[in-house]
């Protein structure tokens, strides 16, 4: 009741047009602020896993990153040092935790994942270890087997896909062809995608 009466008195003093303009300005400002907040939640954190490139899935204010949907590193062009084989050890696997890691900034080789993260990506510690999620594991293997051809070509990787993965998961009708990455990029250009700016794997 008070707000209504106050509004009427203010309108009488300022004139109806000025009050409507003032209300419209306030609503626009509140809408823009809310829009920015919603976009920040949708976009989330922009940090990416240093092993596979998957996005941090935390949307709150934080200093430690987390990802609940790691990929095989080869999806982002990661190769085994020295052999250029596609890196097919899951981020959380014991093998990945024990494998040497090359510095992002030099040729220095860290003895294992933890030392690499301590030195170059401490915001990702503690890094999760394998939880033996067989369903997620089989989904990643199936995705790799059926998407590998254009990825191997794009990132100049040697195909190290185990034959048992191919036998279990290959679906010839669903496999991507060699030009799939180029075709997808071409379709995305009209939405502002620039293949020259896209990050490449290492």
N, C-alpha and C. Protein backbone atom coordinates (compact mmCIF):
# COMPACT_ATOMS: atom_id res chain seq x y z
N UNK A 1 0.83 -1.19 0.00
CA UNK A 1 0.00 0.00 0.00
C UNK A 1 0.87 1.25 0.00
N UNK A 2 1.90 1.26 0.86
CA UNK A 2 2.79 2.43 0.92
C UNK A 2 3.48 2.67 -0.42
N UNK A 3 3.97 1.58 -1.04
CA UNK A 3 4.68 1.70 -2.31
C UNK A 3 3.75 2.27 -3.38
N UNK A 4 2.51 1.81 -3.38
CA UNK A 4 1.54 2.30 -4.36
C UNK A 4 1.29 3.80 -4.18
N UNK A 5 1.04 4.21 -2.94
CA UNK A 5 0.80 5.63 -2.64
C UNK A 5 2.02 6.47 -2.97
N UNK A 6 3.20 5.94 -2.63
CA UNK A 6 4.45 6.66 -2.92
C UNK A 6 4.60 6.85 -4.43
N UNK A 7 4.28 5.79 -5.18
CA UNK A 7 4.35 5.87 -6.64
C UNK A 7 3.41 6.91 -7.20
N UNK A 8 2.21 6.97 -6.65
CA UNK A 8 1.24 7.98 -7.11
C UNK A 8 1.72 9.40 -6.82
N UNK A 9 2.25 9.61 -5.61
CA UNK A 9 2.75 10.94 -5.24
C UNK A 9 3.95 11.33 -6.11
N UNK A 10 4.84 10.38 -6.34
CA UNK A 10 6.02 10.64 -7.17
C UNK A 10 5.59 10.96 -8.60
N UNK A 11 4.61 10.22 -9.10
CA UNK A 11 4.11 10.46 -10.45
C UNK A 11 3.51 11.86 -10.56
N UNK A 12 2.78 12.27 -9.53
CA UNK A 12 2.18 13.60 -9.54
C UNK A 12 3.25 14.68 -9.57
N UNK A 13 4.34 14.46 -8.83
CA UNK A 13 5.42 15.45 -8.79
C UNK A 13 6.23 15.48 -10.09
N UNK A 14 6.56 14.32 -10.61
CA UNK A 14 7.45 14.25 -11.77
C UNK A 14 6.71 14.17 -13.11
N UNK A 15 5.48 13.78 -13.07
CA UNK A 15 4.76 13.57 -14.32
C UNK A 15 4.84 12.09 -14.68
N UNK A 16 3.77 11.55 -15.24
CA UNK A 16 3.69 10.12 -15.54
C UNK A 16 4.79 9.63 -16.47
N UNK A 17 5.13 10.40 -17.48
CA UNK A 17 6.13 9.97 -18.46
C UNK A 17 7.48 9.74 -17.81
N UNK A 18 7.88 10.63 -16.89
CA UNK A 18 9.18 10.47 -16.24
C UNK A 18 9.21 9.23 -15.36
N UNK A 19 8.12 8.94 -14.67
CA UNK A 19 8.07 7.74 -13.82
C UNK A 19 8.16 6.49 -14.69
N UNK A 20 7.42 6.47 -15.80
CA UNK A 20 7.48 5.31 -16.70
C UNK A 20 8.88 5.12 -17.24
N UNK A 21 9.55 6.22 -17.60
CA UNK A 21 10.93 6.13 -18.10
C UNK A 21 11.85 5.59 -17.01
N UNK A 22 11.67 6.09 -15.78
CA UNK A 22 12.50 5.65 -14.67
C UNK A 22 12.30 4.17 -14.39
N UNK A 23 11.06 3.72 -14.39
CA UNK A 23 10.75 2.30 -14.17
C UNK A 23 11.35 1.46 -15.30
N UNK A 24 11.21 1.91 -16.54
CA UNK A 24 11.74 1.18 -17.68
C UNK A 24 13.26 1.07 -17.59
N UNK A 25 13.93 2.15 -17.20
CA UNK A 25 15.40 2.12 -17.05
C UNK A 25 15.81 1.12 -15.98
N UNK A 26 15.11 1.16 -14.85
CA UNK A 26 15.44 0.23 -13.75
C UNK A 26 15.22 -1.22 -14.17
N UNK A 27 14.11 -1.48 -14.85
CA UNK A 27 13.84 -2.84 -15.32
C UNK A 27 14.89 -3.30 -16.32
N UNK A 28 15.27 -2.43 -17.24
CA UNK A 28 16.32 -2.78 -18.22
C UNK A 28 17.63 -3.10 -17.52
N UNK A 29 18.01 -2.28 -16.54
CA UNK A 29 19.26 -2.52 -15.81
C UNK A 29 19.20 -3.84 -15.06
N UNK A 30 18.07 -4.12 -14.40
CA UNK A 30 17.92 -5.37 -13.66
C UNK A 30 17.95 -6.57 -14.61
N UNK A 31 17.31 -6.42 -15.77
CA UNK A 31 17.28 -7.50 -16.76
C UNK A 31 18.69 -7.78 -17.30
N UNK A 32 19.45 -6.73 -17.60
CA UNK A 32 20.82 -6.91 -18.08
C UNK A 32 21.69 -7.60 -17.04
N UNK A 33 21.53 -7.21 -15.77
CA UNK A 33 22.30 -7.83 -14.70
C UNK A 33 21.94 -9.31 -14.57
N UNK A 34 20.65 -9.61 -14.61
CA UNK A 34 20.21 -10.99 -14.50
C UNK A 34 20.68 -11.81 -15.71
N UNK A 35 20.66 -11.20 -16.88
CA UNK A 35 21.12 -11.87 -18.10
C UNK A 35 22.60 -12.24 -17.97
N UNK A 36 23.41 -11.32 -17.46
CA UNK A 36 24.84 -11.58 -17.27
C UNK A 36 25.06 -12.69 -16.26
N UNK A 37 24.26 -12.71 -15.19
CA UNK A 37 24.40 -13.76 -14.18
C UNK A 37 24.02 -15.12 -14.74
N UNK A 38 22.94 -15.18 -15.50
CA UNK A 38 22.51 -16.45 -16.10
C UNK A 38 23.55 -16.94 -17.10
N UNK A 39 24.09 -16.03 -17.92
CA UNK A 39 25.10 -16.43 -18.90
C UNK A 39 26.35 -16.96 -18.20
N UNK A 40 26.74 -16.35 -17.09
CA UNK A 40 27.90 -16.83 -16.32
C UNK A 40 27.65 -18.25 -15.81
N UNK A 41 26.42 -18.53 -15.39
CA UNK A 41 26.10 -19.89 -14.93
C UNK A 41 26.11 -20.88 -16.08
N UNK A 42 25.55 -20.48 -17.21
CA UNK A 42 25.52 -21.37 -18.38
C UNK A 42 26.93 -21.64 -18.88
N UNK A 43 27.72 -20.59 -18.98
CA UNK A 43 29.08 -20.71 -19.49
C UNK A 43 29.95 -21.46 -18.51
N UNK A 44 29.78 -21.19 -17.22
CA UNK A 44 30.57 -21.86 -16.20
C UNK A 44 32.02 -21.45 -16.24
N UNK A 45 32.84 -22.25 -15.63
CA UNK A 45 34.28 -22.00 -15.57
C UNK A 45 34.92 -22.34 -16.91
N UNK A 46 35.86 -21.55 -17.35
CA UNK A 46 36.50 -21.79 -18.65
C UNK A 46 37.76 -22.64 -18.55
N UNK A 47 38.16 -23.03 -17.34
CA UNK A 47 39.37 -23.85 -17.18
C UNK A 47 39.15 -25.23 -17.79
N UNK A 48 40.24 -25.78 -18.36
CA UNK A 48 40.14 -27.09 -18.99
C UNK A 48 41.14 -28.05 -18.37
N UNK A 49 40.74 -29.32 -18.27
CA UNK A 49 41.59 -30.36 -17.70
C UNK A 49 42.92 -30.37 -18.45
N UNK A 50 44.04 -30.31 -17.72
CA UNK A 50 45.34 -30.32 -18.39
C UNK A 50 45.69 -31.65 -19.05
N UNK A 51 44.91 -32.69 -18.78
CA UNK A 51 45.18 -33.99 -19.41
C UNK A 51 44.35 -34.22 -20.67
N UNK A 52 43.06 -33.91 -20.60
CA UNK A 52 42.20 -34.24 -21.75
C UNK A 52 41.51 -33.04 -22.38
N UNK A 53 41.55 -31.88 -21.73
CA UNK A 53 40.94 -30.69 -22.29
C UNK A 53 39.46 -30.53 -22.00
N UNK A 54 38.87 -31.42 -21.19
CA UNK A 54 37.47 -31.27 -20.81
C UNK A 54 37.31 -30.07 -19.90
N UNK A 55 36.18 -29.41 -20.01
CA UNK A 55 35.91 -28.18 -19.27
C UNK A 55 35.61 -28.46 -17.81
N UNK A 56 36.08 -27.58 -16.94
CA UNK A 56 35.73 -27.63 -15.52
C UNK A 56 34.21 -27.48 -15.43
N UNK A 57 33.57 -28.33 -14.62
CA UNK A 57 32.11 -28.27 -14.55
C UNK A 57 31.57 -27.51 -13.35
N UNK A 58 32.44 -26.82 -12.64
CA UNK A 58 31.98 -26.02 -11.50
C UNK A 58 31.45 -24.68 -11.99
N UNK A 59 30.35 -24.24 -11.42
CA UNK A 59 29.77 -22.95 -11.81
C UNK A 59 29.82 -21.94 -10.67
N UNK A 60 30.22 -22.40 -9.48
CA UNK A 60 30.32 -21.50 -8.33
C UNK A 60 31.67 -20.78 -8.36
N UNK A 61 31.86 -19.86 -7.45
CA UNK A 61 33.15 -19.20 -7.31
C UNK A 61 34.09 -20.22 -6.66
N UNK A 62 35.23 -20.49 -7.29
CA UNK A 62 36.11 -21.55 -6.78
C UNK A 62 37.56 -21.32 -7.16
N UNK A 63 38.45 -22.03 -6.47
CA UNK A 63 39.88 -21.97 -6.78
C UNK A 63 40.43 -23.34 -7.14
N UNK A 64 39.65 -24.39 -6.90
CA UNK A 64 40.04 -25.75 -7.26
C UNK A 64 39.07 -26.25 -8.32
N UNK A 65 39.62 -26.67 -9.47
CA UNK A 65 38.78 -27.12 -10.58
C UNK A 65 38.43 -28.60 -10.46
N UNK A 66 37.34 -28.96 -11.14
CA UNK A 66 36.86 -30.34 -11.12
C UNK A 66 36.14 -30.61 -12.44
N UNK A 67 36.24 -31.84 -12.89
CA UNK A 67 35.56 -32.25 -14.11
C UNK A 67 34.99 -33.64 -13.90
N UNK A 68 33.73 -33.82 -14.15
CA UNK A 68 33.11 -35.12 -13.97
C UNK A 68 32.93 -35.89 -15.26
N UNK A 69 33.50 -35.41 -16.34
CA UNK A 69 33.28 -36.03 -17.65
C UNK A 69 34.56 -36.00 -18.49
N UNK A 70 35.61 -36.60 -17.98
CA UNK A 70 36.88 -36.61 -18.69
C UNK A 70 36.78 -37.43 -19.98
N UNK A 71 37.52 -37.00 -20.98
CA UNK A 71 37.63 -37.71 -22.26
C UNK A 71 38.94 -38.47 -22.31
N UNK A 72 39.11 -39.27 -23.34
CA UNK A 72 40.44 -39.82 -23.61
C UNK A 72 41.26 -38.66 -24.16
N UNK A 73 42.49 -38.47 -23.69
CA UNK A 73 43.30 -37.32 -24.13
C UNK A 73 43.43 -37.20 -25.65
N UNK A 74 43.39 -38.31 -26.37
CA UNK A 74 43.53 -38.27 -27.83
C UNK A 74 42.42 -37.47 -28.51
N UNK A 75 41.26 -37.33 -27.87
CA UNK A 75 40.19 -36.52 -28.46
C UNK A 75 40.64 -35.07 -28.65
N UNK A 76 41.59 -34.62 -27.85
CA UNK A 76 42.12 -33.26 -27.98
C UNK A 76 43.52 -33.24 -28.58
N UNK A 77 43.91 -34.33 -29.22
CA UNK A 77 45.18 -34.35 -29.93
C UNK A 77 46.40 -34.74 -29.11
N UNK A 78 46.21 -35.19 -27.88
CA UNK A 78 47.36 -35.59 -27.07
C UNK A 78 47.95 -36.88 -27.62
N UNK A 79 49.29 -36.88 -27.70
CA UNK A 79 50.02 -38.03 -28.23
C UNK A 79 51.04 -38.50 -27.21
N UNK A 80 51.43 -39.76 -27.32
CA UNK A 80 52.47 -40.31 -26.46
C UNK A 80 53.80 -39.72 -26.93
N UNK A 81 54.54 -39.14 -25.98
CA UNK A 81 55.83 -38.52 -26.33
C UNK A 81 56.75 -39.56 -26.96
N UNK A 82 57.36 -39.19 -28.06
CA UNK A 82 58.32 -40.07 -28.72
C UNK A 82 57.73 -40.92 -29.83
N UNK A 83 56.51 -41.43 -29.65
CA UNK A 83 55.92 -42.32 -30.65
C UNK A 83 54.80 -41.66 -31.45
N UNK A 84 54.27 -40.57 -30.95
CA UNK A 84 53.12 -39.87 -31.55
C UNK A 84 51.86 -40.73 -31.61
N UNK A 85 51.82 -41.80 -30.81
CA UNK A 85 50.61 -42.61 -30.74
C UNK A 85 49.52 -41.83 -30.02
N UNK A 86 48.29 -42.05 -30.42
CA UNK A 86 47.15 -41.42 -29.75
C UNK A 86 47.15 -41.81 -28.28
N UNK A 87 47.02 -40.82 -27.38
CA UNK A 87 47.02 -41.08 -25.93
C UNK A 87 45.64 -41.59 -25.52
N UNK A 88 45.56 -42.88 -25.24
CA UNK A 88 44.28 -43.53 -24.96
C UNK A 88 44.10 -43.96 -23.51
N UNK A 89 44.96 -43.49 -22.63
CA UNK A 89 44.80 -43.79 -21.20
C UNK A 89 43.93 -42.70 -20.58
N UNK A 90 42.83 -43.11 -19.96
CA UNK A 90 41.92 -42.14 -19.35
C UNK A 90 42.66 -41.30 -18.31
N UNK A 91 42.24 -40.05 -18.18
CA UNK A 91 42.88 -39.11 -17.24
C UNK A 91 43.03 -39.69 -15.84
N UNK A 92 41.97 -40.36 -15.38
CA UNK A 92 41.94 -40.83 -14.00
C UNK A 92 42.65 -42.17 -13.81
N UNK A 93 43.13 -42.78 -14.89
CA UNK A 93 43.72 -44.12 -14.79
C UNK A 93 45.05 -44.10 -14.04
N UNK A 94 45.36 -45.21 -13.43
CA UNK A 94 46.63 -45.36 -12.71
C UNK A 94 47.79 -45.14 -13.68
N UNK A 95 47.65 -45.66 -14.90
CA UNK A 95 48.72 -45.52 -15.90
C UNK A 95 48.99 -44.05 -16.21
N UNK A 96 47.94 -43.24 -16.34
CA UNK A 96 48.12 -41.82 -16.59
C UNK A 96 48.75 -41.13 -15.39
N UNK A 97 48.35 -41.53 -14.20
CA UNK A 97 48.92 -40.93 -12.98
C UNK A 97 50.42 -41.21 -12.88
N UNK A 98 50.86 -42.36 -13.39
CA UNK A 98 52.27 -42.74 -13.28
C UNK A 98 53.11 -42.31 -14.48
N UNK A 99 52.50 -41.95 -15.57
CA UNK A 99 53.23 -41.63 -16.80
C UNK A 99 53.92 -40.28 -16.71
N UNK A 100 55.12 -40.16 -17.31
CA UNK A 100 55.81 -38.86 -17.36
C UNK A 100 54.98 -37.86 -18.16
N UNK A 101 55.09 -36.60 -17.79
CA UNK A 101 54.35 -35.53 -18.47
C UNK A 101 55.31 -34.43 -18.88
N UNK A 102 55.18 -33.99 -20.14
CA UNK A 102 56.00 -32.90 -20.64
C UNK A 102 55.41 -31.56 -20.20
N UNK A 103 56.29 -30.65 -19.83
CA UNK A 103 55.88 -29.31 -19.42
C UNK A 103 55.13 -28.61 -20.55
N UNK A 104 54.20 -27.77 -20.18
CA UNK A 104 53.48 -26.96 -21.17
C UNK A 104 54.34 -25.82 -21.69
N UNK A 105 55.43 -25.53 -20.98
CA UNK A 105 56.21 -24.33 -21.27
C UNK A 105 57.65 -24.60 -21.71
N UNK A 106 58.09 -25.85 -21.61
CA UNK A 106 59.48 -26.18 -21.97
C UNK A 106 59.56 -27.66 -22.34
N UNK A 107 60.77 -28.15 -22.52
CA UNK A 107 60.96 -29.57 -22.82
C UNK A 107 61.13 -30.41 -21.56
N UNK A 108 60.98 -29.77 -20.39
CA UNK A 108 61.14 -30.50 -19.13
C UNK A 108 60.12 -31.63 -19.04
N UNK A 109 60.57 -32.78 -18.55
CA UNK A 109 59.70 -33.94 -18.39
C UNK A 109 59.50 -34.20 -16.90
N UNK A 110 58.26 -34.12 -16.45
CA UNK A 110 57.95 -34.42 -15.05
C UNK A 110 57.80 -35.93 -14.90
N UNK A 111 58.18 -36.49 -13.75
CA UNK A 111 58.15 -37.95 -13.59
C UNK A 111 56.75 -38.55 -13.56
N UNK A 112 55.75 -37.75 -13.19
CA UNK A 112 54.38 -38.29 -13.11
C UNK A 112 53.37 -37.14 -13.12
N UNK A 113 52.11 -37.50 -13.13
CA UNK A 113 51.04 -36.51 -13.21
C UNK A 113 51.03 -35.56 -12.02
N UNK A 114 51.20 -36.08 -10.82
CA UNK A 114 51.13 -35.22 -9.63
C UNK A 114 52.21 -34.15 -9.65
N UNK A 115 53.43 -34.51 -10.03
CA UNK A 115 54.52 -33.52 -10.08
C UNK A 115 54.23 -32.46 -11.15
N UNK A 116 53.71 -32.90 -12.27
CA UNK A 116 53.33 -31.97 -13.35
C UNK A 116 52.26 -30.99 -12.87
N UNK A 117 51.22 -31.52 -12.24
CA UNK A 117 50.14 -30.66 -11.75
C UNK A 117 50.61 -29.72 -10.66
N UNK A 118 51.44 -30.20 -9.74
CA UNK A 118 51.96 -29.34 -8.67
C UNK A 118 52.70 -28.14 -9.26
N UNK A 119 53.49 -28.40 -10.29
CA UNK A 119 54.32 -27.34 -10.88
C UNK A 119 53.54 -26.41 -11.80
N UNK A 120 52.61 -26.95 -12.58
CA UNK A 120 52.00 -26.14 -13.63
C UNK A 120 50.48 -25.94 -13.54
N UNK A 121 49.81 -26.80 -12.80
CA UNK A 121 48.34 -26.69 -12.70
C UNK A 121 47.86 -27.06 -11.30
N UNK A 122 48.35 -26.38 -10.26
CA UNK A 122 47.98 -26.76 -8.89
C UNK A 122 46.48 -26.61 -8.62
N UNK A 123 45.80 -25.80 -9.40
CA UNK A 123 44.36 -25.61 -9.20
C UNK A 123 43.55 -26.86 -9.56
N UNK A 124 44.20 -27.88 -10.15
CA UNK A 124 43.54 -29.14 -10.47
C UNK A 124 43.83 -30.23 -9.44
N UNK A 125 44.54 -29.90 -8.37
CA UNK A 125 44.83 -30.88 -7.32
C UNK A 125 43.80 -30.77 -6.21
N UNK A 126 43.42 -31.86 -5.58
CA UNK A 126 43.81 -33.24 -5.88
C UNK A 126 43.10 -33.73 -7.15
N UNK A 127 43.82 -34.50 -7.96
CA UNK A 127 43.28 -35.01 -9.21
C UNK A 127 42.68 -36.39 -8.95
N UNK A 128 41.47 -36.66 -9.46
CA UNK A 128 40.80 -37.93 -9.15
C UNK A 128 41.52 -39.14 -9.74
N UNK A 129 41.37 -40.26 -9.04
CA UNK A 129 41.89 -41.54 -9.55
C UNK A 129 40.73 -42.40 -9.98
N UNK A 130 41.05 -43.36 -10.82
CA UNK A 130 40.08 -44.26 -11.42
C UNK A 130 39.06 -44.78 -10.42
N UNK A 131 37.79 -44.77 -10.84
CA UNK A 131 36.74 -45.31 -9.98
C UNK A 131 36.08 -46.53 -10.62
N UNK A 132 36.67 -47.02 -11.67
CA UNK A 132 36.20 -48.24 -12.35
C UNK A 132 34.77 -48.15 -12.84
N UNK A 133 34.42 -47.01 -13.42
CA UNK A 133 33.09 -46.86 -14.02
C UNK A 133 33.11 -47.53 -15.38
N UNK A 134 32.65 -48.75 -15.44
CA UNK A 134 32.75 -49.53 -16.68
C UNK A 134 31.86 -48.97 -17.79
N UNK A 135 30.69 -48.44 -17.44
CA UNK A 135 29.81 -47.90 -18.47
C UNK A 135 30.45 -46.69 -19.13
N UNK A 136 30.96 -45.75 -18.33
CA UNK A 136 31.62 -44.57 -18.89
C UNK A 136 32.82 -44.98 -19.72
N UNK A 137 33.57 -45.97 -19.25
CA UNK A 137 34.74 -46.46 -19.95
C UNK A 137 34.34 -47.01 -21.33
N UNK A 138 33.29 -47.79 -21.39
CA UNK A 138 32.88 -48.37 -22.67
C UNK A 138 32.33 -47.30 -23.62
N UNK A 139 31.66 -46.29 -23.08
CA UNK A 139 31.15 -45.20 -23.92
C UNK A 139 32.32 -44.44 -24.55
N UNK A 140 33.35 -44.14 -23.76
CA UNK A 140 34.53 -43.44 -24.30
C UNK A 140 35.24 -44.27 -25.36
N UNK A 141 35.38 -45.56 -25.10
CA UNK A 141 36.05 -46.44 -26.07
C UNK A 141 35.25 -46.50 -27.37
N UNK A 142 33.94 -46.65 -27.26
CA UNK A 142 33.09 -46.70 -28.46
C UNK A 142 33.17 -45.38 -29.23
N UNK A 143 33.13 -44.27 -28.50
CA UNK A 143 33.23 -42.97 -29.16
C UNK A 143 34.57 -42.83 -29.88
N UNK A 144 35.66 -43.22 -29.23
CA UNK A 144 36.98 -43.12 -29.85
C UNK A 144 37.05 -43.98 -31.11
N UNK A 145 36.63 -45.24 -31.01
CA UNK A 145 36.73 -46.15 -32.14
C UNK A 145 35.99 -45.59 -33.36
N UNK A 146 34.84 -44.98 -33.14
CA UNK A 146 34.02 -44.51 -34.27
C UNK A 146 34.30 -43.08 -34.70
N UNK A 147 35.11 -42.36 -33.94
CA UNK A 147 35.47 -40.97 -34.29
C UNK A 147 36.95 -40.81 -34.61
N UNK A 148 37.73 -41.85 -34.50
CA UNK A 148 39.18 -41.72 -34.53
C UNK A 148 39.77 -41.29 -35.87
N UNK A 149 39.18 -41.69 -36.98
CA UNK A 149 39.80 -41.43 -38.29
C UNK A 149 40.08 -39.94 -38.52
N UNK A 150 39.10 -39.04 -38.39
CA UNK A 150 39.42 -37.62 -38.62
C UNK A 150 40.32 -37.03 -37.54
N UNK A 151 40.23 -37.55 -36.31
CA UNK A 151 41.08 -37.04 -35.22
C UNK A 151 42.53 -37.43 -35.44
N UNK A 152 42.77 -38.66 -35.86
CA UNK A 152 44.14 -39.10 -36.15
C UNK A 152 44.75 -38.24 -37.25
N UNK A 153 43.94 -37.95 -38.26
CA UNK A 153 44.41 -37.12 -39.38
C UNK A 153 44.67 -35.69 -38.92
N UNK A 154 43.73 -35.10 -38.19
CA UNK A 154 43.84 -33.69 -37.77
C UNK A 154 45.07 -33.47 -36.90
N UNK A 155 45.31 -34.36 -35.95
CA UNK A 155 46.38 -34.16 -34.98
C UNK A 155 47.65 -34.94 -35.29
N UNK A 156 47.71 -35.55 -36.47
CA UNK A 156 48.88 -36.30 -36.91
C UNK A 156 49.31 -37.32 -35.86
N UNK A 157 48.35 -38.15 -35.44
CA UNK A 157 48.61 -39.18 -34.44
C UNK A 157 48.72 -40.54 -35.10
N UNK A 158 49.51 -41.41 -34.49
CA UNK A 158 49.61 -42.80 -34.92
C UNK A 158 48.47 -43.56 -34.25
N UNK A 159 47.75 -44.36 -35.01
CA UNK A 159 46.62 -45.11 -34.46
C UNK A 159 47.12 -46.25 -33.58
N UNK A 160 46.84 -46.15 -32.30
CA UNK A 160 47.25 -47.18 -31.34
C UNK A 160 46.02 -47.84 -30.71
N UNK A 161 44.89 -47.73 -31.39
CA UNK A 161 43.64 -48.29 -30.87
C UNK A 161 43.76 -49.80 -30.74
N UNK A 162 43.55 -50.34 -29.54
CA UNK A 162 43.63 -51.80 -29.36
C UNK A 162 42.61 -52.53 -30.23
N UNK A 163 43.02 -53.64 -30.80
CA UNK A 163 42.13 -54.42 -31.67
C UNK A 163 40.87 -54.87 -30.94
N UNK A 164 41.00 -55.14 -29.62
CA UNK A 164 39.81 -55.58 -28.89
C UNK A 164 38.76 -54.46 -28.78
N UNK A 165 39.21 -53.20 -28.76
CA UNK A 165 38.26 -52.07 -28.78
C UNK A 165 37.53 -52.05 -30.12
N UNK A 166 38.30 -52.19 -31.19
CA UNK A 166 37.72 -52.14 -32.54
C UNK A 166 36.71 -53.26 -32.71
N UNK A 167 37.08 -54.47 -32.29
CA UNK A 167 36.18 -55.62 -32.41
C UNK A 167 34.89 -55.41 -31.61
N UNK A 168 35.01 -54.81 -30.44
CA UNK A 168 33.85 -54.65 -29.56
C UNK A 168 32.97 -53.46 -29.93
N UNK A 169 33.55 -52.39 -30.44
CA UNK A 169 32.79 -51.14 -30.55
C UNK A 169 32.64 -50.55 -31.95
N UNK A 170 33.38 -51.03 -32.92
CA UNK A 170 33.30 -50.40 -34.24
C UNK A 170 31.92 -50.61 -34.87
N UNK A 171 31.35 -49.51 -35.35
CA UNK A 171 30.05 -49.53 -36.03
C UNK A 171 30.23 -48.83 -37.37
N UNK A 172 30.49 -49.58 -38.44
CA UNK A 172 30.80 -48.98 -39.74
C UNK A 172 29.80 -47.92 -40.21
N UNK A 173 28.52 -48.07 -39.90
CA UNK A 173 27.52 -47.09 -40.35
C UNK A 173 27.59 -45.80 -39.56
N UNK A 174 28.22 -45.83 -38.38
CA UNK A 174 28.30 -44.63 -37.53
C UNK A 174 29.68 -44.00 -37.52
N UNK A 175 30.66 -44.65 -38.13
CA UNK A 175 32.02 -44.12 -38.12
C UNK A 175 32.11 -42.81 -38.89
N UNK A 176 32.89 -41.88 -38.36
CA UNK A 176 33.11 -40.61 -39.04
C UNK A 176 34.15 -40.80 -40.14
N UNK A 177 33.93 -40.11 -41.25
CA UNK A 177 34.88 -40.16 -42.35
C UNK A 177 36.04 -39.21 -42.12
N UNK A 178 37.06 -39.31 -42.95
CA UNK A 178 38.28 -38.51 -42.79
C UNK A 178 38.01 -37.01 -42.86
N UNK A 179 36.99 -36.58 -43.58
CA UNK A 179 36.73 -35.14 -43.73
C UNK A 179 35.75 -34.59 -42.69
N UNK A 180 35.35 -35.37 -41.71
CA UNK A 180 34.32 -34.95 -40.75
C UNK A 180 34.68 -33.67 -40.00
N UNK A 181 35.93 -33.51 -39.60
CA UNK A 181 36.32 -32.30 -38.86
C UNK A 181 36.22 -31.06 -39.76
N UNK A 182 36.73 -31.17 -40.97
CA UNK A 182 36.66 -30.05 -41.91
C UNK A 182 35.20 -29.70 -42.24
N UNK A 183 34.38 -30.72 -42.44
CA UNK A 183 32.96 -30.48 -42.74
C UNK A 183 32.27 -29.77 -41.58
N UNK A 184 32.55 -30.21 -40.36
CA UNK A 184 31.93 -29.59 -39.18
C UNK A 184 32.38 -28.14 -39.03
N UNK A 185 33.67 -27.89 -39.21
CA UNK A 185 34.17 -26.51 -39.11
C UNK A 185 33.53 -25.61 -40.15
N UNK A 186 33.37 -26.13 -41.35
CA UNK A 186 32.75 -25.35 -42.42
C UNK A 186 31.32 -24.96 -42.06
N UNK A 187 30.58 -25.88 -41.45
CA UNK A 187 29.21 -25.58 -41.04
C UNK A 187 29.16 -24.59 -39.87
N UNK A 188 30.20 -24.57 -39.04
CA UNK A 188 30.21 -23.69 -37.86
C UNK A 188 30.66 -22.27 -38.15
N UNK A 189 31.27 -22.03 -39.30
CA UNK A 189 31.77 -20.70 -39.64
C UNK A 189 30.65 -19.66 -39.60
N UNK A 190 29.47 -20.03 -40.09
CA UNK A 190 28.36 -19.06 -40.11
C UNK A 190 27.91 -18.67 -38.70
N UNK A 191 28.34 -19.42 -37.68
CA UNK A 191 28.01 -19.09 -36.29
C UNK A 191 29.16 -18.39 -35.58
N UNK A 192 30.18 -17.98 -36.34
CA UNK A 192 31.29 -17.23 -35.76
C UNK A 192 32.51 -18.06 -35.42
N UNK A 193 32.50 -19.35 -35.72
CA UNK A 193 33.65 -20.20 -35.44
C UNK A 193 34.78 -19.86 -36.40
N UNK A 194 35.99 -19.73 -35.88
CA UNK A 194 37.16 -19.43 -36.71
C UNK A 194 38.17 -20.55 -36.52
N UNK A 195 38.34 -21.42 -37.53
CA UNK A 195 39.26 -22.55 -37.38
C UNK A 195 40.71 -22.13 -37.15
N UNK A 196 41.06 -20.90 -37.54
CA UNK A 196 42.43 -20.41 -37.32
C UNK A 196 42.68 -20.11 -35.84
N UNK A 197 41.63 -19.85 -35.08
CA UNK A 197 41.75 -19.51 -33.66
C UNK A 197 41.54 -20.74 -32.79
N UNK A 198 40.98 -21.80 -33.34
CA UNK A 198 40.67 -23.00 -32.55
C UNK A 198 41.95 -23.57 -31.96
N UNK A 199 41.91 -24.00 -30.67
CA UNK A 199 43.10 -24.56 -30.03
C UNK A 199 43.45 -25.91 -30.63
N UNK A 200 44.71 -26.15 -30.80
CA UNK A 200 45.20 -27.43 -31.32
C UNK A 200 45.72 -28.26 -30.17
N UNK A 201 45.74 -29.57 -30.31
CA UNK A 201 46.29 -30.47 -29.28
C UNK A 201 47.79 -30.44 -29.30
N UNK A 202 48.39 -31.05 -28.30
CA UNK A 202 49.85 -31.10 -28.21
C UNK A 202 50.33 -32.51 -28.22
